[in-house]
C-alpha atoms as a PDB file:
ATOM      1  CA  UNK A   1     -19.539 -14.636  13.490  1.00  0.00           C
ATOM      2  CA  UNK A   2     -17.748 -16.571  10.502  1.00  0.00           C
ATOM      3  CA  UNK A   3     -20.028 -19.030   8.746  1.00  0.00           C
ATOM      4  CA  UNK A   4     -18.899 -22.722   9.011  1.00  0.00           C
ATOM      5  CA  UNK A   5     -17.839 -24.396   6.530  1.00  0.00           C
ATOM      6  CA  UNK A   6     -20.500 -26.857   4.539  1.00  0.00           C
ATOM      7  CA  UNK A   7     -20.030 -30.481   5.085  1.00  0.00           C
ATOM      8  CA  UNK A   8     -17.067 -32.181   3.548  1.00  0.00           C
ATOM      9  CA  UNK A   9     -15.389 -28.894   2.757  1.00  0.00           C
ATOM     10  CA  UNK A  10     -12.310 -27.747   4.631  1.00  0.00           C
ATOM     11  CA  UNK A  11     -12.429 -24.393   6.189  1.00  0.00           C
ATOM     12  CA  UNK A  12      -9.795 -21.916   4.895  1.00  0.00           C
ATOM     13  CA  UNK A  13      -7.498 -21.229   7.992  1.00  0.00           C
ATOM     14  CA  UNK A  14      -8.087 -17.907   9.684  1.00  0.00           C
ATOM     15  CA  UNK A  15      -5.169 -15.223   9.596  1.00  0.00           C
ATOM     16  CA  UNK A  16      -4.361 -13.492  12.651  1.00  0.00           C
ATOM     17  CA  UNK A  17      -5.085  -9.870  13.003  1.00  0.00           C
ATOM     18  CA  UNK A  18      -2.265  -7.935  11.779  1.00  0.00           C
ATOM     19  CA  UNK A  19      -1.398  -4.068  11.541  1.00  0.00           C
ATOM     20  CA  UNK A  20      -0.384  -3.010   7.966  1.00  0.00           C
ATOM     21  CA  UNK A  21       1.121   0.482   7.411  1.00  0.00           C
ATOM     22  CA  UNK A  22      -1.770   1.364   5.428  1.00  0.00           C
ATOM     23  CA  UNK A  23      -4.261   0.713   8.133  1.00  0.00           C
ATOM     24  CA  UNK A  24      -1.891   2.035  10.615  1.00  0.00           C
ATOM     25  CA  UNK A  25      -1.737   5.384   8.470  1.00  0.00           C
ATOM     26  CA  UNK A  26      -5.893   5.225   8.509  1.00  0.00           C
ATOM     27  CA  UNK A  27      -5.918   5.291  12.196  1.00  0.00           C
ATOM     28  CA  UNK A  28      -3.369   8.002  12.725  1.00  0.00           C
ATOM     29  CA  UNK A  29      -5.198   9.945  10.146  1.00  0.00           C
ATOM     30  CA  UNK A  30      -8.897   9.375  11.136  1.00  0.00           C
ATOM     31  CA  UNK A  31      -9.980   6.150  13.318  1.00  0.00           C
ATOM     32  CA  UNK A  32     -13.488   6.248  11.808  1.00  0.00           C
ATOM     33  CA  UNK A  33     -11.620   5.746   8.353  1.00  0.00           C
ATOM     34  CA  UNK A  34      -9.709   2.854  10.079  1.00  0.00           C
ATOM     35  CA  UNK A  35     -13.340   1.402  10.895  1.00  0.00           C
ATOM     36  CA  UNK A  36     -14.915   1.904   7.677  1.00  0.00           C
ATOM     37  CA  UNK A  37     -11.885   0.241   5.728  1.00  0.00           C
ATOM     38  CA  UNK A  38     -10.796  -2.481   8.379  1.00  0.00           C
ATOM     39  CA  UNK A  39     -13.889  -3.367  10.290  1.00  0.00           C
ATOM     40  CA  UNK A  40     -17.046  -2.386   8.034  1.00  0.00           C
ATOM     41  CA  UNK A  41     -14.703  -2.982   4.931  1.00  0.00           C
ATOM     42  CA  UNK A  42     -16.786  -0.487   2.800  1.00  0.00           C
ATOM     43  CA  UNK A  43     -16.487  -0.611  -0.969  1.00  0.00           C
ATOM     44  CA  UNK A  44     -14.407   2.209  -2.295  1.00  0.00           C
ATOM     45  CA  UNK A  45     -14.368   3.336  -6.026  1.00  0.00           C
ATOM     46  CA  UNK A  46     -10.694   3.744  -6.952  1.00  0.00           C
ATOM     47  CA  UNK A  47      -9.520   6.488  -8.650  1.00  0.00           C
ATOM     48  CA  UNK A  48      -7.708   6.781 -12.051  1.00  0.00           C
ATOM     49  CA  UNK A  49      -4.416   7.790 -10.408  1.00  0.00           C
ATOM     50  CA  UNK A  50      -4.792   4.693  -7.970  1.00  0.00           C
ATOM     51  CA  UNK A  51      -5.567   2.150 -10.836  1.00  0.00           C
ATOM     52  CA  UNK A  52      -2.549   3.750 -13.012  1.00  0.00           C
ATOM     53  CA  UNK A  53      -0.408   3.227  -9.818  1.00  0.00           C
ATOM     54  CA  UNK A  54      -1.203  -0.270  -9.497  1.00  0.00           C
ATOM     55  CA  UNK A  55      -0.281  -0.675 -13.430  1.00  0.00           C
ATOM     56  CA  UNK A  56       3.131   1.156 -13.019  1.00  0.00           C
ATOM     57  CA  UNK A  57       3.995  -1.253  -9.930  1.00  0.00           C
ATOM     58  CA  UNK A  58       2.951  -4.329 -12.008  1.00  0.00           C
ATOM     59  CA  UNK A  59       5.191  -3.017 -14.966  1.00  0.00           C
ATOM     60  CA  UNK A  60       8.262  -2.401 -12.646  1.00  0.00           C
ATOM     61  CA  UNK A  61       7.938  -5.717 -11.055  1.00  0.00           C
ATOM     62  CA  UNK A  62       8.001  -7.427 -14.432  1.00  0.00           C
ATOM     63  CA  UNK A  63      10.753  -5.280 -15.774  1.00  0.00           C
ATOM     64  CA  UNK A  64      13.050  -6.945 -13.007  1.00  0.00           C
ATOM     65  CA  UNK A  65      12.189 -10.445 -14.119  1.00  0.00           C
ATOM     66  CA  UNK A  66      13.641  -9.634 -17.601  1.00  0.00           C
ATOM     67  CA  UNK A  67      17.280 -10.197 -18.254  1.00  0.00           C
ATOM     68  CA  UNK A  68      19.290  -6.994 -17.049  1.00  0.00           C
ATOM     69  CA  UNK A  69      20.105  -5.754 -20.671  1.00  0.00           C
ATOM     70  CA  UNK A  70      16.432  -5.772 -21.499  1.00  0.00           C
ATOM     71  CA  UNK A  71      15.489  -3.298 -18.638  1.00  0.00           C
ATOM     72  CA  UNK A  72      15.044  -0.383 -20.987  1.00  0.00           C
ATOM     73  CA  UNK A  73      12.507   2.523 -21.181  1.00  0.00           C
ATOM     74  CA  UNK A  74      10.957   1.260 -24.497  1.00  0.00           C
ATOM     75  CA  UNK A  75      10.469  -2.166 -22.963  1.00  0.00           C
ATOM     76  CA  UNK A  76       8.759  -0.824 -19.866  1.00  0.00           C
ATOM     77  CA  UNK A  77       6.390   1.067 -22.270  1.00  0.00           C
ATOM     78  CA  UNK A  78       5.787  -1.942 -23.988  1.00  0.00           C
ATOM     79  CA  UNK A  79       4.402  -3.738 -21.039  1.00  0.00           C
ATOM     80  CA  UNK A  80       2.029  -1.162 -20.253  1.00  0.00           C
ATOM     81  CA  UNK A  81      -1.012  -2.177 -22.263  1.00  0.00           C
ATOM     82  CA  UNK A  82      -0.868  -5.846 -21.649  1.00  0.00           C
ATOM     83  CA  UNK A  83      -0.487  -5.399 -17.896  1.00  0.00           C
ATOM     84  CA  UNK A  84      -3.474  -3.302 -18.212  1.00  0.00           C
ATOM     85  CA  UNK A  85      -5.394  -5.811 -20.411  1.00  0.00           C
ATOM     86  CA  UNK A  86      -4.600  -8.643 -17.788  1.00  0.00           C
ATOM     87  CA  UNK A  87      -5.498  -6.369 -14.724  1.00  0.00           C
ATOM     88  CA  UNK A  88      -8.692  -5.300 -16.483  1.00  0.00           C
ATOM     89  CA  UNK A  89      -9.692  -9.035 -17.316  1.00  0.00           C
ATOM     90  CA  UNK A  90      -9.068 -10.380 -13.766  1.00  0.00           C
ATOM     91  CA  UNK A  91     -10.287  -7.356 -11.652  1.00  0.00           C
ATOM     92  CA  UNK A  92     -12.966  -5.671 -14.060  1.00  0.00           C
ATOM     93  CA  UNK A  93     -14.182  -3.210 -11.321  1.00  0.00           C
ATOM     94  CA  UNK A  94     -10.837  -1.456 -11.853  1.00  0.00           C
ATOM     95  CA  UNK A  95     -11.558  -0.940 -15.552  1.00  0.00           C
ATOM     96  CA  UNK A  96     -15.296   0.239 -14.713  1.00  0.00           C
ATOM     97  CA  UNK A  97     -13.637   2.976 -12.235  1.00  0.00           C
ATOM     98  CA  UNK A  98     -11.690   4.407 -15.403  1.00  0.00           C
ATOM     99  CA  UNK A  99     -14.548   5.705 -17.509  1.00  0.00           C
ATOM    100  CA  UNK A 100     -18.061   6.362 -16.544  1.00  0.00           C
ATOM    101  CA  UNK A 101     -19.235   6.011 -20.209  1.00  0.00           C
ATOM    102  CA  UNK A 102     -18.261   4.341 -23.437  1.00  0.00           C
ATOM    103  CA  UNK A 103     -18.018   7.522 -25.265  1.00  0.00           C
ATOM    104  CA  UNK A 104     -14.747   8.681 -26.115  1.00  0.00           C
ATOM    105  CA  UNK A 105     -13.505   5.700 -23.887  1.00  0.00           C
ATOM    106  CA  UNK A 106     -10.899   4.681 -26.281  1.00  0.00           C
ATOM    107  CA  UNK A 107      -9.276   7.967 -26.666  1.00  0.00           C
ATOM    108  CA  UNK A 108      -9.197   8.309 -23.102  1.00  0.00           C
ATOM    109  CA  UNK A 109      -7.640   4.933 -22.586  1.00  0.00           C
ATOM    110  CA  UNK A 110      -4.847   5.747 -24.826  1.00  0.00           C
ATOM    111  CA  UNK A 111      -4.192   9.251 -22.852  1.00  0.00           C
ATOM    112  CA  UNK A 112      -4.371   7.179 -19.472  1.00  0.00           C
ATOM    113  CA  UNK A 113      -2.050   4.344 -20.843  1.00  0.00           C
ATOM    114  CA  UNK A 114       0.303   7.278 -22.122  1.00  0.00           C
ATOM    115  CA  UNK A 115       0.306   9.001 -18.604  1.00  0.00           C
ATOM    116  CA  UNK A 116       1.440   5.610 -17.067  1.00  0.00           C
ATOM    117  CA  UNK A 117       4.172   5.345 -19.686  1.00  0.00           C
ATOM    118  CA  UNK A 118       5.488   8.837 -18.944  1.00  0.00           C
ATOM    119  CA  UNK A 119       5.686   7.810 -15.132  1.00  0.00           C
ATOM    120  CA  UNK A 120       7.894   4.937 -16.266  1.00  0.00           C
ATOM    121  CA  UNK A 121      10.216   7.211 -18.379  1.00  0.00           C
ATOM    122  CA  UNK A 122      10.469   9.263 -15.235  1.00  0.00           C
ATOM    123  CA  UNK A 123      11.803   6.371 -13.290  1.00  0.00           C
ATOM    124  CA  UNK A 124      14.619   5.877 -15.500  1.00  0.00           C
ATOM    125  CA  UNK A 125      15.928   9.163 -14.918  1.00  0.00           C
ATOM    126  CA  UNK A 126      16.447   8.072 -11.081  1.00  0.00           C
ATOM    127  CA  UNK A 127      18.217   4.736 -11.685  1.00  0.00           C
ATOM    128  CA  UNK A 128      19.381   2.490 -14.186  1.00  0.00           C
ATOM    129  CA  UNK A 129      17.568  -1.038 -13.723  1.00  0.00           C
ATOM    130  CA  UNK A 130      20.245  -2.900 -15.649  1.00  0.00           C
ATOM    131  CA  UNK A 131      22.829  -2.325 -12.826  1.00  0.00           C
ATOM    132  CA  UNK A 132      20.595  -3.680 -10.463  1.00  0.00           C
ATOM    133  CA  UNK A 133      19.543  -7.098  -9.163  1.00  0.00           C
ATOM    134  CA  UNK A 134      16.779  -7.061  -6.581  1.00  0.00           C
ATOM    135  CA  UNK A 135      16.499  -9.740  -3.819  1.00  0.00           C
ATOM    136  CA  UNK A 136      12.604  -9.204  -4.163  1.00  0.00           C
ATOM    137  CA  UNK A 137       9.911  -7.254  -5.527  1.00  0.00           C
ATOM    138  CA  UNK A 138       6.182  -6.777  -4.248  1.00  0.00           C
ATOM    139  CA  UNK A 139       7.438  -8.917  -1.469  1.00  0.00           C
ATOM    140  CA  UNK A 140       5.009  -9.840   1.347  1.00  0.00           C
ATOM    141  CA  UNK A 141       7.032  -9.145   4.906  1.00  0.00           C
ATOM    142  CA  UNK A 142       5.568 -10.161   8.372  1.00  0.00           C
ATOM    143  CA  UNK A 143       7.002  -9.972  12.051  1.00  0.00           C
ATOM    144  CA  UNK A 144       5.759 -10.310  15.301  1.00  0.00           C
ATOM    145  CA  UNK A 145       6.476  -7.743  18.061  1.00  0.00           C
ATOM    146  CA  UNK A 146       7.465  -8.827  21.799  1.00  0.00           C
ATOM    147  CA  UNK A 147       3.633  -7.824  22.597  1.00  0.00           C
ATOM    148  CA  UNK A 148       2.286 -10.201  19.988  1.00  0.00           C
ATOM    149  CA  UNK A 149       1.368  -7.834  17.723  1.00  0.00           C
ATOM    150  CA  UNK A 150       1.682  -9.153  14.120  1.00  0.00           C
ATOM    151  CA  UNK A 151       2.944  -6.577  11.297  1.00  0.00           C
ATOM    152  CA  UNK A 152       2.294  -7.214   7.753  1.00  0.00           C
ATOM    153  CA  UNK A 153       3.144  -5.339   4.530  1.00  0.00           C
ATOM    154  CA  UNK A 154       4.271  -5.327   1.083  1.00  0.00           C
ATOM    155  CA  UNK A 155       7.587  -3.929  -0.103  1.00  0.00           C
ATOM    156  CA  UNK A 156       7.901  -2.531  -3.520  1.00  0.00           C
ATOM    157  CA  UNK A 157      11.623  -3.956  -3.805  1.00  0.00           C
ATOM    158  CA  UNK A 158      14.272  -5.054  -1.677  1.00  0.00           C
ATOM    159  CA  UNK A 159      17.916  -4.471  -2.520  1.00  0.00           C
ATOM    160  CA  UNK A 160      20.662  -6.625  -0.830  1.00  0.00           C
ATOM    161  CA  UNK A 161      24.358  -5.853  -1.594  1.00  0.00           C
ATOM    162  CA  UNK A 162      26.987  -8.200  -1.390  1.00  0.00           C
ATOM    163  CA  UNK A 163      28.269  -6.858   1.786  1.00  0.00           C
ATOM    164  CA  UNK A 164      24.773  -7.630   3.372  1.00  0.00           C
ATOM    165  CA  UNK A 165      23.524  -4.158   3.346  1.00  0.00           C
ATOM    166  CA  UNK A 166      19.557  -3.748   2.833  1.00  0.00           C
ATOM    167  CA  UNK A 167      17.898  -0.879   0.971  1.00  0.00           C
ATOM    168  CA  UNK A 168      13.839  -0.748   0.949  1.00  0.00           C
ATOM    169  CA  UNK A 169      12.740   0.945  -2.363  1.00  0.00           C
ATOM    170  CA  UNK A 170       9.227   2.204  -2.503  1.00  0.00           C
ATOM    171  CA  UNK A 171       8.020   3.614  -5.840  1.00  0.00           C
ATOM    172  CA  UNK A 172       5.275   6.731  -5.501  1.00  0.00           C
ATOM    173  CA  UNK A 173       3.223   7.489  -8.622  1.00  0.00           C
ATOM    174  CA  UNK A 174       2.403  11.111  -7.191  1.00  0.00           C
ATOM    175  CA  UNK A 175       4.658  13.980  -6.839  1.00  0.00           C
ATOM    176  CA  UNK A 176       6.975  14.505  -3.784  1.00  0.00           C
ATOM    177  CA  UNK A 177       4.841  15.616  -0.967  1.00  0.00           C
ATOM    178  CA  UNK A 178       4.674  18.212   1.452  1.00  0.00           C
ATOM    179  CA  UNK A 179       5.362  17.659   5.315  1.00  0.00           C
ATOM    180  CA  UNK A 180       2.209  15.986   6.262  1.00  0.00           C
ATOM    181  CA  UNK A 181       2.397  13.476   3.575  1.00  0.00           C
ATOM    182  CA  UNK A 182       5.872  13.215   3.753  1.00  0.00           C
ATOM    183  CA  UNK A 183       5.454  11.737   7.307  1.00  0.00           C
ATOM    184  CA  UNK A 184       3.119   9.477   6.271  1.00  0.00           C
ATOM    185  CA  UNK A 185       5.700   8.044   3.578  1.00  0.00           C
ATOM    186  CA  UNK A 186       8.265   7.923   6.167  1.00  0.00           C
ATOM    187  CA  UNK A 187       6.046   6.145   8.654  1.00  0.00           C
ATOM    188  CA  UNK A 188       5.504   3.486   6.033  1.00  0.00           C
ATOM    189  CA  UNK A 189       9.254   2.952   5.404  1.00  0.00           C
ATOM    190  CA  UNK A 190       9.746   2.876   9.091  1.00  0.00           C
ATOM    191  CA  UNK A 191       7.325   0.215   9.285  1.00  0.00           C
ATOM    192  CA  UNK A 192       9.116  -1.831   6.849  1.00  0.00           C
ATOM    193  CA  UNK A 193      12.458  -1.264   8.399  1.00  0.00           C
ATOM    194  CA  UNK A 194      11.065  -2.248  11.367  1.00  0.00           C
ATOM    195  CA  UNK A 195      10.016  -5.890  10.069  1.00  0.00           C
ATOM    196  CA  UNK A 196      13.186  -6.403   8.417  1.00  0.00           C
ATOM    197  CA  UNK A 197      15.118  -5.720  11.712  1.00  0.00           C
ATOM    198  CA  UNK A 198      12.981  -8.270  13.371  1.00  0.00           C
ATOM    199  CA  UNK A 199      13.045 -10.940  10.597  1.00  0.00           C
ATOM    200  CA  UNK A 200      16.569 -10.510   9.461  1.00  0.00           C
ATOM    201  CA  UNK A 201      18.418  -8.746  12.362  1.00  0.00           C
ATOM    202  CA  UNK A 202      19.947  -5.915  10.229  1.00  0.00           C
ATOM    203  CA  UNK A 203      18.734  -2.226  10.190  1.00  0.00           C
ATOM    204  CA  UNK A 204      18.294  -1.342   6.658  1.00  0.00           C
ATOM    205  CA  UNK A 205      21.164   1.203   5.709  1.00  0.00           C
ATOM    206  CA  UNK A 206      18.821   3.079   3.487  1.00  0.00           C
ATOM    207  CA  UNK A 207      15.061   3.600   2.826  1.00  0.00           C
ATOM    208  CA  UNK A 208      14.331   5.176  -0.732  1.00  0.00           C
ATOM    209  CA  UNK A 209      11.167   6.632  -1.867  1.00  0.00           C
ATOM    210  CA  UNK A 210      10.959   7.383  -5.547  1.00  0.00           C
ATOM    211  CA  UNK A 211       8.412  10.040  -6.802  1.00  0.00           C
ATOM    212  CA  UNK A 212       7.555   9.341 -10.628  1.00  0.00           C
ATOM    213  CA  UNK A 213       5.635  12.270 -11.220  1.00  0.00           C
ATOM    214  CA  UNK A 214       8.111  14.590 -10.749  1.00  0.00           C
ATOM    215  CA  UNK A 215      11.412  12.700 -10.572  1.00  0.00           C
ATOM    216  CA  UNK A 216      12.277  13.472  -6.829  1.00  0.00           C
ATOM    217  CA  UNK A 217      13.683  10.773  -4.363  1.00  0.00           C
ATOM    218  CA  UNK A 218      13.905  11.223  -0.889  1.00  0.00           C
ATOM    219  CA  UNK A 219      16.292   8.760   1.081  1.00  0.00           C
ATOM    220  CA  UNK A 220      16.421   8.035   4.758  1.00  0.00           C
ATOM    221  CA  UNK A 221      18.822   6.256   7.120  1.00  0.00           C
ATOM    222  CA  UNK A 222      17.151   4.688  10.036  1.00  0.00           C
ATOM    223  CA  UNK A 223      19.149   3.506  13.256  1.00  0.00           C
ATOM    224  CA  UNK A 224      18.224   0.612  15.743  1.00  0.00           C
ATOM    225  CA  UNK A 225      17.162   2.594  18.757  1.00  0.00           C
ATOM    226  CA  UNK A 226      14.826   4.533  16.605  1.00  0.00           C
ATOM    227  CA  UNK A 227      13.329   1.708  15.219  1.00  0.00           C
ATOM    228  CA  UNK A 228      12.667   0.172  18.717  1.00  0.00           C
ATOM    229  CA  UNK A 229      11.125   3.316  19.676  1.00  0.00           C
ATOM    230  CA  UNK A 230       9.019   3.239  16.660  1.00  0.00           C
ATOM    231  CA  UNK A 231       7.724  -0.505  17.630  1.00  0.00           C
ATOM    232  CA  UNK A 232       6.327   1.024  21.043  1.00  0.00           C
ATOM    233  CA  UNK A 233       4.248   3.548  18.938  1.00  0.00           C
ATOM    234  CA  UNK A 234       2.830   0.574  17.054  1.00  0.00           C
ATOM    235  CA  UNK A 235       2.208  -1.083  20.277  1.00  0.00           C
ATOM    236  CA  UNK A 236       0.509   1.785  21.469  1.00  0.00           C
ATOM    237  CA  UNK A 237      -1.734   2.193  18.308  1.00  0.00           C
ATOM    238  CA  UNK A 238      -2.900  -1.335  18.473  1.00  0.00           C
ATOM    239  CA  UNK A 239      -3.975  -0.891  21.980  1.00  0.00           C
ATOM    240  CA  UNK A 240      -5.625   2.111  21.286  1.00  0.00           C
ATOM    241  CA  UNK A 241      -7.286   0.209  18.010  1.00  0.00           C
ATOM    242  CA  UNK A 242      -8.356  -2.672  20.475  1.00  0.00           C
ATOM    243  CA  UNK A 243     -10.054  -0.353  22.794  1.00  0.00           C
ATOM    244  CA  UNK A 244     -11.952   1.260  19.855  1.00  0.00           C
ATOM    245  CA  UNK A 245     -12.820  -2.059  18.547  1.00  0.00           C
ATOM    246  CA  UNK A 246     -14.363  -3.416  21.728  1.00  0.00           C
ATOM    247  CA  UNK A 247     -16.455  -0.493  22.320  1.00  0.00           C
ATOM    248  CA  UNK A 248     -17.104   0.518  18.500  1.00  0.00           C
ATOM    249  CA  UNK A 249     -16.146   4.094  19.301  1.00  0.00           C
ATOM    250  CA  UNK A 250     -13.929   4.952  16.355  1.00  0.00           C
ATOM    251  CA  UNK A 251     -14.310   8.829  16.420  1.00  0.00           C
ATOM    252  CA  UNK A 252     -13.856  11.133  13.128  1.00  0.00           C
ATOM    253  CA  UNK A 253     -10.725  13.441  13.100  1.00  0.00           C
ATOM    254  CA  UNK A 254     -11.589  16.145  10.407  1.00  0.00           C
ATOM    255  CA  UNK A 255      -8.961  17.570   8.271  1.00  0.00           C
ATOM    256  CA  UNK A 256      -7.856  18.809   5.015  1.00  0.00           C
ATOM    257  CA  UNK A 257      -7.453  15.037   3.923  1.00  0.00           C
ATOM    258  CA  UNK A 258     -11.254  14.485   4.187  1.00  0.00           C
ATOM    259  CA  UNK A 259     -11.909  16.123   0.941  1.00  0.00           C
ATOM    260  CA  UNK A 260     -10.293  12.794  -0.764  1.00  0.00           C
ATOM    261  CA  UNK A 261     -12.395  10.615   1.577  1.00  0.00           C
ATOM    262  CA  UNK A 262     -15.175   8.184  -0.089  1.00  0.00           C
ATOM    263  CA  UNK A 263     -17.254   8.054   2.891  1.00  0.00           C
ATOM    264  CA  UNK A 264     -18.056  11.438   3.667  1.00  0.00           C
ATOM    265  CA  UNK A 265     -21.898  10.675   3.492  1.00  0.00           C
ATOM    266  CA  UNK A 266     -21.607   8.341   6.403  1.00  0.00           C
ATOM    267  CA  UNK A 267     -19.484  10.503   8.632  1.00  0.00           C
ATOM    268  CA  UNK A 268     -20.661  12.376  11.467  1.00  0.00           C
ATOM    269  CA  UNK A 269     -18.488  15.224  10.980  1.00  0.00           C
ATOM    270  CA  UNK A 270     -20.197  15.835   7.526  1.00  0.00           C
ATOM    271  CA  UNK A 271     -23.900  15.157   8.922  1.00  0.00           C
ATOM    272  CA  UNK A 272     -23.719  11.518   8.093  1.00  0.00           C
ATOM    273  CA  UNK A 273     -24.519   8.316  10.033  1.00  0.00           C
ATOM    274  CA  UNK A 274     -22.210   5.407  10.083  1.00  0.00           C
ATOM    275  CA  UNK A 275     -23.554   1.983   9.560  1.00  0.00           C
ATOM    276  CA  UNK A 276     -24.417  -0.183  12.523  1.00  0.00           C
ATOM    277  CA  UNK A 277     -21.290  -1.304  14.188  1.00  0.00           C
ATOM    278  CA  UNK A 278     -20.685  -4.790  13.079  1.00  0.00           C
ATOM    279  CA  UNK A 279     -18.360  -5.795  16.139  1.00  0.00           C
ATOM    280  CA  UNK A 280     -14.683  -6.402  15.726  1.00  0.00           C
ATOM    281  CA  UNK A 281     -13.811  -8.555  12.687  1.00  0.00           C
ATOM    282  CA  UNK A 282     -12.847 -12.112  12.414  1.00  0.00           C
ATOM    283  CA  UNK A 283      -9.109 -12.594  11.996  1.00  0.00           C
ATOM    284  CA  UNK A 284      -9.195 -13.347   8.520  1.00  0.00           C
ATOM    285  CA  UNK A 285     -11.058  -9.864   7.867  1.00  0.00           C
ATOM    286  CA  UNK A 286      -8.982  -7.891  10.213  1.00  0.00           C
ATOM    287  CA  UNK A 287      -5.846  -8.815   8.071  1.00  0.00           C
ATOM    288  CA  UNK A 288      -7.450  -8.176   4.771  1.00  0.00           C
ATOM    289  CA  UNK A 289      -5.809  -5.700   2.607  1.00  0.00           C
ATOM    290  CA  UNK A 290      -7.156  -3.609  -0.351  1.00  0.00           C
ATOM    291  CA  UNK A 291      -4.950  -4.570  -3.483  1.00  0.00           C
ATOM    292  CA  UNK A 292      -4.728  -0.927  -4.323  1.00  0.00           C
ATOM    293  CA  UNK A 293      -2.822  -0.254  -0.994  1.00  0.00           C
ATOM    294  CA  UNK A 294       0.294  -0.982  -2.833  1.00  0.00           C
ATOM    295  CA  UNK A 295      -0.097   1.543  -5.339  1.00  0.00           C
ATOM    296  CA  UNK A 296      -0.165   4.288  -3.067  1.00  0.00           C
END
């Protein structure tokens, strides 16, 4: 149960339970992982790659706030260090995640910042931001299905042409994925496309994934019947989540992805014991998102 606000203090409005592409992907991958992140809300130590992804996304967001003529590779590189400094100040736990000791930290930091600049250089080989005027960057989008399920997520960039055509762009700071990871990435993009169909009545003409580690790009063109079927898939997934939430029966699904999981020591598949089930979360907790989800 959520605690009541002290006398004289207004209680913050609770947000409705919602499904995001990240949490939906967690449940598809492993229901127990979903529980650890969305219900138990266990802390996770972000990797250097995740923090770097956050920096790169923030730099690209700021790049598009500049006049078009200033959106140049050297300007993007100039933004890396101040963006990192601000992030380290506001979220010091991210800075702590980079280096376990102070020894050689300065040299390691310089190398790490250089790797972020290299990803940004690759971005400029994929498109010329001087020729683009996005409608929005890092945009929160929400929509409700007929079932009442609320969908919520962040779109890296939304381009709208004078003709009304909509393009969803997502930056990935890793390399172009193999089949399983590619399916997860397309799941995320279909999620955003469905939200835009529901809120704008328009099927995005293009879903574009940019992989900045190797300069590859993946383009997908959805259609409305496909997105309507996808909505039914999300409804079925949410029904399964609610069933598991009522009973606490979130089962592990061992796979090759387990090697990347922060919670192996608590997983029965690896001889661990999960914490006592806290019960289905309050609406505000169910909707909570890890900031680093945007950097995936």
